[in-house]
PDB file of N, CA and C in Angstrom:
ATOM      1  N   GLU A   1      12.674 -16.061  -4.542  1.00  0.00           N
ATOM      2  CA  GLU A   1      11.963 -15.169  -5.443  1.00  0.00           C
ATOM      3  C   GLU A   1      10.786 -14.507  -4.720  1.00  0.00           C
ATOM      4  N   LEU A   2      10.087 -15.284  -3.910  1.00  0.00           N
ATOM      5  CA  LEU A   2       8.957 -14.731  -3.168  1.00  0.00           C
ATOM      6  C   LEU A   2       9.424 -13.690  -2.149  1.00  0.00           C
ATOM      7  N   ARG A   3      10.521 -13.961  -1.473  1.00  0.00           N
ATOM      8  CA  ARG A   3      11.049 -12.990  -0.496  1.00  0.00           C
ATOM      9  C   ARG A   3      11.448 -11.689  -1.183  1.00  0.00           C
ATOM     10  N   ARG A   4      12.074 -11.827  -2.341  1.00  0.00           N
ATOM     11  CA  ARG A   4      12.484 -10.627  -3.080  1.00  0.00           C
ATOM     12  C   ARG A   4      11.248  -9.830  -3.505  1.00  0.00           C
ATOM     13  N   HIS A   5      10.231 -10.511  -4.009  1.00  0.00           N
ATOM     14  CA  HIS A   5       8.996  -9.829  -4.395  1.00  0.00           C
ATOM     15  C   HIS A   5       8.410  -9.083  -3.195  1.00  0.00           C
ATOM     16  N   HIS A   6       8.410  -9.721  -2.041  1.00  0.00           N
ATOM     17  CA  HIS A   6       7.877  -9.115  -0.824  1.00  0.00           C
ATOM     18  C   HIS A   6       8.661  -7.847  -0.481  1.00  0.00           C
ATOM     19  N   GLN A   7       9.981  -7.916  -0.535  1.00  0.00           N
ATOM     20  CA  GLN A   7      10.804  -6.747  -0.216  1.00  0.00           C
ATOM     21  C   GLN A   7      10.586  -5.616  -1.216  1.00  0.00           C
ATOM     22  N   VAL A   8      10.480  -5.955  -2.491  1.00  0.00           N
ATOM     23  CA  VAL A   8      10.227  -4.939  -3.519  1.00  0.00           C
ATOM     24  C   VAL A   8       8.868  -4.285  -3.283  1.00  0.00           C
ATOM     25  N   ARG A   9       7.872  -5.083  -2.972  1.00  0.00           N
ATOM     26  CA  ARG A   9       6.525  -4.555  -2.748  1.00  0.00           C
ATOM     27  C   ARG A   9       6.482  -3.672  -1.500  1.00  0.00           C
ATOM     28  N   LEU A  10       7.167  -4.074  -0.431  1.00  0.00           N
ATOM     29  CA  LEU A  10       7.217  -3.247   0.779  1.00  0.00           C
ATOM     30  C   LEU A  10       7.862  -1.898   0.483  1.00  0.00           C
ATOM     31  N   ALA A  11       8.948  -1.910  -0.267  1.00  0.00           N
ATOM     32  CA  ALA A  11       9.629  -0.667  -0.631  1.00  0.00           C
ATOM     33  C   ALA A  11       8.720   0.221  -1.473  1.00  0.00           C
ATOM     34  N   ALA A  12       7.961  -0.376  -2.372  1.00  0.00           N
ATOM     35  CA  ALA A  12       7.036   0.396  -3.209  1.00  0.00           C
ATOM     36  C   ALA A  12       5.935   1.023  -2.363  1.00  0.00           C
ATOM     37  N   MET A  13       5.454   0.296  -1.364  1.00  0.00           N
ATOM     38  CA  MET A  13       4.420   0.834  -0.484  1.00  0.00           C
ATOM     39  C   MET A  13       4.949   2.051   0.274  1.00  0.00           C
ATOM     40  N   LEU A  14       6.157   1.933   0.817  1.00  0.00           N
ATOM     41  CA  LEU A  14       6.750   3.055   1.541  1.00  0.00           C
ATOM     42  C   LEU A  14       7.013   4.232   0.618  1.00  0.00           C
ATOM     43  N   ALA A  15       7.534   3.967  -0.559  1.00  0.00           N
ATOM     44  CA  ALA A  15       7.841   5.042  -1.508  1.00  0.00           C
ATOM     45  C   ALA A  15       6.579   5.774  -1.936  1.00  0.00           C
ATOM     46  N   SER A  16       5.465   5.063  -2.014  1.00  0.00           N
ATOM     47  CA  SER A  16       4.223   5.699  -2.447  1.00  0.00           C
ATOM     48  C   SER A  16       3.712   6.696  -1.414  1.00  0.00           C
ATOM     49  N   MET A  17       4.162   6.575  -0.170  1.00  0.00           N
ATOM     50  CA  MET A  17       3.723   7.484   0.889  1.00  0.00           C
ATOM     51  C   MET A  17       4.678   8.652   1.094  1.00  0.00           C
ATOM     52  N   ASP A  18       5.517   8.936   0.102  1.00  0.00           N
ATOM     53  CA  ASP A  18       6.503   9.997   0.279  1.00  0.00           C
ATOM     54  C   ASP A  18       5.877  11.383   0.400  1.00  0.00           C
ATOM     55  N   ASP A  19       4.609  11.515   0.046  1.00  0.00           N
ATOM     56  CA  ASP A  19       3.911  12.789   0.196  1.00  0.00           C
ATOM     57  C   ASP A  19       3.232  12.923   1.557  1.00  0.00           C
ATOM     58  N   GLY A  20       3.360  11.910   2.399  1.00  0.00           N
ATOM     59  CA  GLY A  20       2.754  11.956   3.723  1.00  0.00           C
ATOM     60  C   GLY A  20       1.696  10.899   3.920  1.00  0.00           C
ATOM     61  N   SER A  21       0.779  11.169   4.809  1.00  0.00           N
ATOM     62  CA  SER A  21      -0.255  10.205   5.171  1.00  0.00           C
ATOM     63  C   SER A  21      -1.214   9.958   4.017  1.00  0.00           C
ATOM     64  N   MET A  22      -1.571   8.663   3.844  1.00  0.00           N
ATOM     65  CA  MET A  22      -2.474   8.277   2.763  1.00  0.00           C
ATOM     66  C   MET A  22      -3.349   7.119   3.202  1.00  0.00           C
ATOM     67  N   THR A  23      -4.517   7.031   2.589  1.00  0.00           N
ATOM     68  CA  THR A  23      -5.355   5.863   2.822  1.00  0.00           C
ATOM     69  C   THR A  23      -4.737   4.669   2.087  1.00  0.00           C
ATOM     70  N   ALA A  24      -5.177   3.483   2.447  1.00  0.00           N
ATOM     71  CA  ALA A  24      -4.697   2.283   1.755  1.00  0.00           C
ATOM     72  C   ALA A  24      -5.079   2.337   0.278  1.00  0.00           C
ATOM     73  N   TYR A  25      -6.241   2.873  -0.021  1.00  0.00           N
ATOM     74  CA  TYR A  25      -6.676   2.992  -1.417  1.00  0.00           C
ATOM     75  C   TYR A  25      -5.729   3.912  -2.189  1.00  0.00           C
ATOM     76  N   GLU A  26      -5.352   5.027  -1.581  1.00  0.00           N
ATOM     77  CA  GLU A  26      -4.427   5.950  -2.240  1.00  0.00           C
ATOM     78  C   GLU A  26      -3.065   5.291  -2.472  1.00  0.00           C
ATOM     79  N   VAL A  27      -2.594   4.542  -1.476  1.00  0.00           N
ATOM     80  CA  VAL A  27      -1.325   3.824  -1.632  1.00  0.00           C
ATOM     81  C   VAL A  27      -1.437   2.837  -2.782  1.00  0.00           C
ATOM     82  N   ALA A  28      -2.501   2.040  -2.794  1.00  0.00           N
ATOM     83  CA  ALA A  28      -2.681   1.028  -3.840  1.00  0.00           C
ATOM     84  C   ALA A  28      -2.711   1.660  -5.227  1.00  0.00           C
ATOM     85  N   SER A  29      -3.296   2.839  -5.330  1.00  0.00           N
ATOM     86  CA  SER A  29      -3.406   3.481  -6.642  1.00  0.00           C
ATOM     87  C   SER A  29      -2.073   4.042  -7.131  1.00  0.00           C
ATOM     88  N   LYS A  30      -1.118   4.216  -6.235  1.00  0.00           N
ATOM     89  CA  LYS A  30       0.192   4.761  -6.620  1.00  0.00           C
ATOM     90  C   LYS A  30       1.265   3.695  -6.833  1.00  0.00           C
ATOM     91  N   VAL A  31       1.046   2.504  -6.303  1.00  0.00           N
ATOM     92  CA  VAL A  31       2.044   1.428  -6.398  1.00  0.00           C
ATOM     93  C   VAL A  31       2.105   0.921  -7.844  1.00  0.00           C
ATOM     94  N   PRO A  32       3.295   0.675  -8.370  1.00  0.00           N
ATOM     95  CA  PRO A  32       3.367   0.076  -9.705  1.00  0.00           C
ATOM     96  C   PRO A  32       2.973  -1.404  -9.646  1.00  0.00           C
ATOM     97  N   TRP A  33       2.016  -1.785 -10.451  1.00  0.00           N
ATOM     98  CA  TRP A  33       1.523  -3.156 -10.466  1.00  0.00           C
ATOM     99  C   TRP A  33       1.984  -3.857 -11.741  1.00  0.00           C
ATOM    100  N   ASP A  34       2.234  -5.144 -11.629  1.00  0.00           N
ATOM    101  CA  ASP A  34       2.709  -5.934 -12.767  1.00  0.00           C
ATOM    102  C   ASP A  34       1.660  -6.090 -13.862  1.00  0.00           C
ATOM    103  N   ILE A  35       0.388  -5.946 -13.524  1.00  0.00           N
ATOM    104  CA  ILE A  35      -0.667  -6.218 -14.505  1.00  0.00           C
ATOM    105  C   ILE A  35      -1.120  -4.965 -15.249  1.00  0.00           C
ATOM    106  N   GLY A  36      -0.504  -3.832 -14.953  1.00  0.00           N
ATOM    107  CA  GLY A  36      -0.855  -2.604 -15.643  1.00  0.00           C
ATOM    108  C   GLY A  36      -1.203  -1.483 -14.687  1.00  0.00           C
ATOM    109  N   PRO A  37      -1.655  -0.353 -15.238  1.00  0.00           N
ATOM    110  CA  PRO A  37      -1.972   0.805 -14.393  1.00  0.00           C
ATOM    111  C   PRO A  37      -3.284   0.633 -13.632  1.00  0.00           C
ATOM    112  N   TRP A  38      -3.324   1.223 -12.462  1.00  0.00           N
ATOM    113  CA  TRP A  38      -4.475   1.155 -11.567  1.00  0.00           C
ATOM    114  C   TRP A  38      -5.766   1.558 -12.275  1.00  0.00           C
ATOM    115  N   LYS A  39      -5.706   2.577 -13.109  1.00  0.00           N
ATOM    116  CA  LYS A  39      -6.919   3.079 -13.773  1.00  0.00           C
ATOM    117  C   LYS A  39      -7.566   2.032 -14.678  1.00  0.00           C
ATOM    118  N   ASP A  40      -6.791   1.030 -15.098  1.00  0.00           N
ATOM    119  CA  ASP A  40      -7.315  -0.010 -15.982  1.00  0.00           C
ATOM    120  C   ASP A  40      -7.739  -1.283 -15.242  1.00  0.00           C
ATOM    121  N   PHE A  41      -7.620  -1.299 -13.933  1.00  0.00           N
ATOM    122  CA  PHE A  41      -7.971  -2.488 -13.152  1.00  0.00           C
ATOM    123  C   PHE A  41      -9.476  -2.743 -13.184  1.00  0.00           C
ATOM    124  N   SER A  42      -9.830  -3.996 -13.252  1.00  0.00           N
ATOM    125  CA  SER A  42     -11.232  -4.388 -13.089  1.00  0.00           C
ATOM    126  C   SER A  42     -11.571  -4.290 -11.597  1.00  0.00           C
ATOM    127  N   PRO A  43     -12.847  -4.306 -11.249  1.00  0.00           N
ATOM    128  CA  PRO A  43     -13.204  -4.315  -9.825  1.00  0.00           C
ATOM    129  C   PRO A  43     -12.550  -5.484  -9.066  1.00  0.00           C
ATOM    130  N   HIS A  44     -12.491  -6.642  -9.679  1.00  0.00           N
ATOM    131  CA  HIS A  44     -11.860  -7.796  -9.039  1.00  0.00           C
ATOM    132  C   HIS A  44     -10.363  -7.542  -8.799  1.00  0.00           C
ATOM    133  N   ASP A  45      -9.670  -6.990  -9.795  1.00  0.00           N
ATOM    134  CA  ASP A  45      -8.243  -6.691  -9.644  1.00  0.00           C
ATOM    135  C   ASP A  45      -8.003  -5.641  -8.565  1.00  0.00           C
ATOM    136  N   ARG A  46      -8.870  -4.642  -8.507  1.00  0.00           N
ATOM    137  CA  ARG A  46      -8.718  -3.620  -7.459  1.00  0.00           C
ATOM    138  C   ARG A  46      -8.913  -4.223  -6.064  1.00  0.00           C
ATOM    139  N   ARG A  47      -9.882  -5.102  -5.941  1.00  0.00           N
ATOM    140  CA  ARG A  47     -10.120  -5.759  -4.648  1.00  0.00           C
ATOM    141  C   ARG A  47      -8.889  -6.572  -4.239  1.00  0.00           C
ATOM    142  N   SER A  48      -8.332  -7.313  -5.170  1.00  0.00           N
ATOM    143  CA  SER A  48      -7.140  -8.114  -4.881  1.00  0.00           C
ATOM    144  C   SER A  48      -5.955  -7.221  -4.527  1.00  0.00           C
ATOM    145  N   ALA A  49      -5.800  -6.138  -5.271  1.00  0.00           N
ATOM    146  CA  ALA A  49      -4.704  -5.203  -4.998  1.00  0.00           C
ATOM    147  C   ALA A  49      -4.873  -4.535  -3.636  1.00  0.00           C
ATOM    148  N   MET A  50      -6.116  -4.218  -3.268  1.00  0.00           N
ATOM    149  CA  MET A  50      -6.367  -3.626  -1.956  1.00  0.00           C
ATOM    150  C   MET A  50      -6.009  -4.605  -0.840  1.00  0.00           C
ATOM    151  N   ASN A  51      -6.364  -5.874  -1.011  1.00  0.00           N
ATOM    152  CA  ASN A  51      -6.007  -6.875   0.000  1.00  0.00           C
ATOM    153  C   ASN A  51      -4.493  -6.975   0.151  1.00  0.00           C
ATOM    154  N   GLU A  52      -3.788  -7.005  -0.961  1.00  0.00           N
ATOM    155  CA  GLU A  52      -2.324  -7.071  -0.895  1.00  0.00           C
ATOM    156  C   GLU A  52      -1.758  -5.804  -0.251  1.00  0.00           C
ATOM    157  N   THR A  53      -2.291  -4.663  -0.620  1.00  0.00           N
ATOM    158  CA  THR A  53      -1.822  -3.395  -0.050  1.00  0.00           C
ATOM    159  C   THR A  53      -2.031  -3.365   1.453  1.00  0.00           C
ATOM    160  N   LEU A  54      -3.218  -3.720   1.900  1.00  0.00           N
ATOM    161  CA  LEU A  54      -3.495  -3.720   3.335  1.00  0.00           C
ATOM    162  C   LEU A  54      -2.594  -4.684   4.089  1.00  0.00           C
ATOM    163  N   ALA A  55      -2.332  -5.850   3.524  1.00  0.00           N
ATOM    164  CA  ALA A  55      -1.448  -6.815   4.179  1.00  0.00           C
ATOM    165  C   ALA A  55      -0.034  -6.243   4.311  1.00  0.00           C
ATOM    166  N   HIS A  56       0.457  -5.617   3.253  1.00  0.00           N
ATOM    167  CA  HIS A  56       1.803  -5.049   3.302  1.00  0.00           C
ATOM    168  C   HIS A  56       1.877  -3.841   4.244  1.00  0.00           C
ATOM    169  N   LEU A  57       0.859  -3.000   4.228  1.00  0.00           N
ATOM    170  CA  LEU A  57       0.860  -1.850   5.135  1.00  0.00           C
ATOM    171  C   LEU A  57       0.805  -2.298   6.592  1.00  0.00           C
ATOM    172  N   GLU A  58       0.034  -3.315   6.868  1.00  0.00           N
ATOM    173  CA  GLU A  58      -0.029  -3.834   8.241  1.00  0.00           C
ATOM    174  C   GLU A  58       1.316  -4.436   8.645  1.00  0.00           C
ATOM    175  N   PHE A  59       1.978  -5.129   7.735  1.00  0.00           N
ATOM    176  CA  PHE A  59       3.309  -5.679   8.004  1.00  0.00           C
ATOM    177  C   PHE A  59       4.275  -4.534   8.322  1.00  0.00           C
ATOM    178  N   LEU A  60       4.241  -3.476   7.510  1.00  0.00           N
ATOM    179  CA  LEU A  60       5.113  -2.320   7.744  1.00  0.00           C
ATOM    180  C   LEU A  60       4.806  -1.675   9.098  1.00  0.00           C
ATOM    181  N   ARG A  61       3.537  -1.568   9.424  1.00  0.00           N
ATOM    182  CA  ARG A  61       3.150  -0.962  10.703  1.00  0.00           C
ATOM    183  C   ARG A  61       3.644  -1.788  11.880  1.00  0.00           C
ATOM    184  N   ARG A  62       3.462  -3.089  11.806  1.00  0.00           N
ATOM    185  CA  ARG A  62       3.890  -3.960  12.910  1.00  0.00           C
ATOM    186  C   ARG A  62       5.406  -3.992  13.075  1.00  0.00           C
ATOM    187  N   ASN A  63       6.119  -3.730  11.989  1.00  0.00           N
ATOM    188  CA  ASN A  63       7.584  -3.696  12.068  1.00  0.00           C
ATOM    189  C   ASN A  63       8.116  -2.304  12.380  1.00  0.00           C
ATOM    190  N   GLY A  64       7.233  -1.343  12.582  1.00  0.00           N
ATOM    191  CA  GLY A  64       7.644   0.002  12.942  1.00  0.00           C
ATOM    192  C   GLY A  64       8.082   0.865  11.773  1.00  0.00           C
ATOM    193  N   ASP A  65       7.835   0.432  10.552  1.00  0.00           N
ATOM    194  CA  ASP A  65       8.229   1.204   9.377  1.00  0.00           C
ATOM    195  C   ASP A  65       7.129   2.126   8.875  1.00  0.00           C
ATOM    196  N   ALA A  66       5.915   1.954   9.381  1.00  0.00           N
ATOM    197  CA  ALA A  66       4.785   2.806   9.014  1.00  0.00           C
ATOM    198  C   ALA A  66       3.903   2.991  10.232  1.00  0.00           C
ATOM    199  N   GLY A  67       3.176   4.069  10.228  1.00  0.00           N
ATOM    200  CA  GLY A  67       2.244   4.332  11.308  1.00  0.00           C
ATOM    201  C   GLY A  67       0.828   4.354  10.775  1.00  0.00           C
ATOM    202  N   LEU A  68      -0.119   4.227  11.674  1.00  0.00           N
ATOM    203  CA  LEU A  68      -1.544   4.253  11.338  1.00  0.00           C
ATOM    204  C   LEU A  68      -2.211   5.255  12.258  1.00  0.00           C
ATOM    205  N   GLU A  69      -2.993   6.146  11.662  1.00  0.00           N
ATOM    206  CA  GLU A  69      -3.724   7.129  12.456  1.00  0.00           C
ATOM    207  C   GLU A  69      -5.098   7.325  11.826  1.00  0.00           C
ATOM    208  N   GLU A  70      -5.939   8.030  12.537  1.00  0.00           N
ATOM    209  CA  GLU A  70      -7.273   8.304  12.023  1.00  0.00           C
ATOM    210  C   GLU A  70      -7.356   9.779  11.652  1.00  0.00           C
ATOM    211  N   SER A  71      -7.916  10.038  10.494  1.00  0.00           N
ATOM    212  CA  SER A  71      -8.105  11.405  10.038  1.00  0.00           C
ATOM    213  C   SER A  71      -9.525  11.547   9.509  1.00  0.00           C
ATOM    214  N   ASP A  72     -10.329  12.338  10.193  1.00  0.00           N
ATOM    215  CA  ASP A  72     -11.738  12.533   9.807  1.00  0.00           C
ATOM    216  C   ASP A  72     -12.479  11.211   9.673  1.00  0.00           C
ATOM    217  N   GLY A  73     -12.218  10.278  10.574  1.00  0.00           N
ATOM    218  CA  GLY A  73     -12.909   8.999  10.584  1.00  0.00           C
ATOM    219  C   GLY A  73     -12.366   7.980   9.598  1.00  0.00           C
ATOM    220  N   THR A  74     -11.241   8.283   8.958  1.00  0.00           N
ATOM    221  CA  THR A  74     -10.641   7.389   7.971  1.00  0.00           C
ATOM    222  C   THR A  74      -9.248   6.998   8.428  1.00  0.00           C
ATOM    223  N   ASP A  75      -8.926   5.704   8.307  1.00  0.00           N
ATOM    224  CA  ASP A  75      -7.573   5.255   8.641  1.00  0.00           C
ATOM    225  C   ASP A  75      -6.613   5.697   7.562  1.00  0.00           C
ATOM    226  N   VAL A  76      -5.490   6.290   7.994  1.00  0.00           N
ATOM    227  CA  VAL A  76      -4.437   6.692   7.066  1.00  0.00           C
ATOM    228  C   VAL A  76      -3.103   6.158   7.562  1.00  0.00           C
ATOM    229  N   TYR A  77      -2.267   5.791   6.621  1.00  0.00           N
ATOM    230  CA  TYR A  77      -0.934   5.277   6.917  1.00  0.00           C
ATOM    231  C   TYR A  77       0.084   6.364   6.588  1.00  0.00           C
ATOM    232  N   ARG A  78       1.194   6.324   7.308  1.00  0.00           N
ATOM    233  CA  ARG A  78       2.273   7.274   7.075  1.00  0.00           C
ATOM    234  C   ARG A  78       3.602   6.562   7.300  1.00  0.00           C
ATOM    235  N   PRO A  79       4.643   7.032   6.641  1.00  0.00           N
ATOM    236  CA  PRO A  79       5.956   6.437   6.917  1.00  0.00           C
ATOM    237  C   PRO A  79       6.344   6.719   8.370  1.00  0.00           C
ATOM    238  N   ALA A  80       7.067   5.836   8.987  1.00  0.00           N
ATOM    239  CA  ALA A  80       7.497   6.017  10.380  1.00  0.00           C
ATOM    240  C   ALA A  80       8.612   7.044  10.443  1.00  0.00           C
TER     241      ALA A  80
END
């Protein structure tokens, strides 16, 4: 079950970047979350979601499925 959740979440992260390069915050705000819409997240929930997003984006980057670049001093991720 955990592996399946991981695969679903990775796919959601990649799908959220279909418009091109995005910050981790932008990716997190587009991913469908089980606890509701991003706009309704508490600060604590957003922090937790950002940590999960960054972990998944880094996993995708290390596996060659996403890239990381700098744009105007900000890290942005893009599909590979």
